[in-house]
Amino acid sequence: MGNLRQLQSLDVSENTPSGSIPSEIGNLRQLQSLDVSENTLSGSIPSEIGNLQQLADLELWNNAVS
């Protein structure tokens, strides 16, 4: 996923991925919208998400992330 450097929008809501949000998410520098709502994600939100300076919309609800 970290190689998709020009990706602007990622919606994997309601797809039941599990586990944690990968730290490679921080490599998606052009990402403006990220929706991972209504899944079974858990764990901490990776600090690398702070690299996403273009991010305007972040949907994390209905997961067990902190």
Protein backbone atom coordinates (compact mmCIF):
# COMPACT_ATOMS: atom_id res chain seq x y z
CA MET A 1 0.00 0.00 0.00
CA GLY A 2 2.84 2.40 0.77
CA ASN A 3 3.87 2.46 -2.90
CA LEU A 4 0.65 4.16 -4.02
CA ARG A 5 2.17 7.60 -3.51
CA GLN A 6 -0.27 9.48 -5.79
CA LEU A 7 -3.41 7.98 -4.24
CA GLN A 8 -5.82 10.71 -3.13
CA SER A 9 -8.74 8.71 -1.75
CA LEU A 10 -8.95 5.31 -0.08
CA ASP A 11 -12.26 3.77 1.03
CA VAL A 12 -12.16 0.29 2.54
CA SER A 13 -15.21 0.78 4.73
CA GLU A 14 -17.42 -2.23 5.45
CA ASN A 15 -14.86 -4.68 4.03
CA THR A 16 -14.02 -6.43 7.32
CA PRO A 17 -10.24 -6.09 7.27
CA SER A 18 -8.82 -6.88 10.69
CA GLY A 19 -5.62 -6.10 12.52
CA SER A 20 -4.03 -2.69 12.79
CA ILE A 21 -3.67 0.20 10.38
CA PRO A 22 -0.25 -0.31 8.75
CA SER A 23 2.41 2.31 9.39
CA GLU A 24 3.03 2.45 5.62
CA ILE A 25 -0.13 4.56 5.43
CA GLY A 26 2.18 7.49 6.14
CA ASN A 27 3.78 7.04 2.71
CA LEU A 28 0.54 8.04 0.96
CA ARG A 29 1.50 11.72 1.01
CA GLN A 30 -1.21 12.83 -1.44
CA LEU A 31 -4.04 11.14 0.46
CA GLN A 32 -6.93 13.53 1.07
CA SER A 33 -9.61 11.08 2.23
CA LEU A 34 -9.28 7.84 4.22
CA ASP A 35 -12.33 5.79 5.21
CA VAL A 36 -11.76 2.59 7.16
CA SER A 37 -15.03 2.78 9.09
CA GLU A 38 -17.14 -0.24 10.06
CA ASN A 39 -14.36 -2.83 10.08
CA THR A 40 -12.64 -4.90 12.75
CA LEU A 41 -9.46 -2.85 12.99
CA SER A 42 -7.73 -2.65 16.36
CA GLY A 43 -4.60 -1.28 17.98
CA SER A 44 -3.10 2.16 17.93
CA ILE A 45 -3.42 4.66 15.13
CA PRO A 46 0.10 4.79 13.69
CA SER A 47 1.97 8.04 14.29
CA GLU A 48 2.91 8.02 10.58
CA ILE A 49 -0.61 9.19 9.85
CA GLY A 50 0.75 12.59 10.86
CA ASN A 51 2.72 12.60 7.57
CA LEU A 52 -0.55 12.96 5.65
CA GLN A 53 -0.57 16.74 5.40
CA GLN A 54 -3.24 16.72 2.66
CA LEU A 55 -5.65 14.58 4.69
CA ALA A 56 -8.96 16.40 5.12
CA ASP A 57 -11.36 13.50 5.79
CA LEU A 58 -10.58 10.64 8.19
CA GLU A 59 -13.28 8.07 9.01
CA LEU A 60 -12.33 5.57 11.73
CA TRP A 61 -15.63 4.95 13.48
CA ASN A 62 -16.94 1.54 14.45
CA ASN A 63 -13.48 0.03 14.95
CA ALA A 64 -11.42 -0.68 18.06
CA VAL A 65 -8.54 1.69 17.29
CA SER A 66 -7.08 4.10 19.80
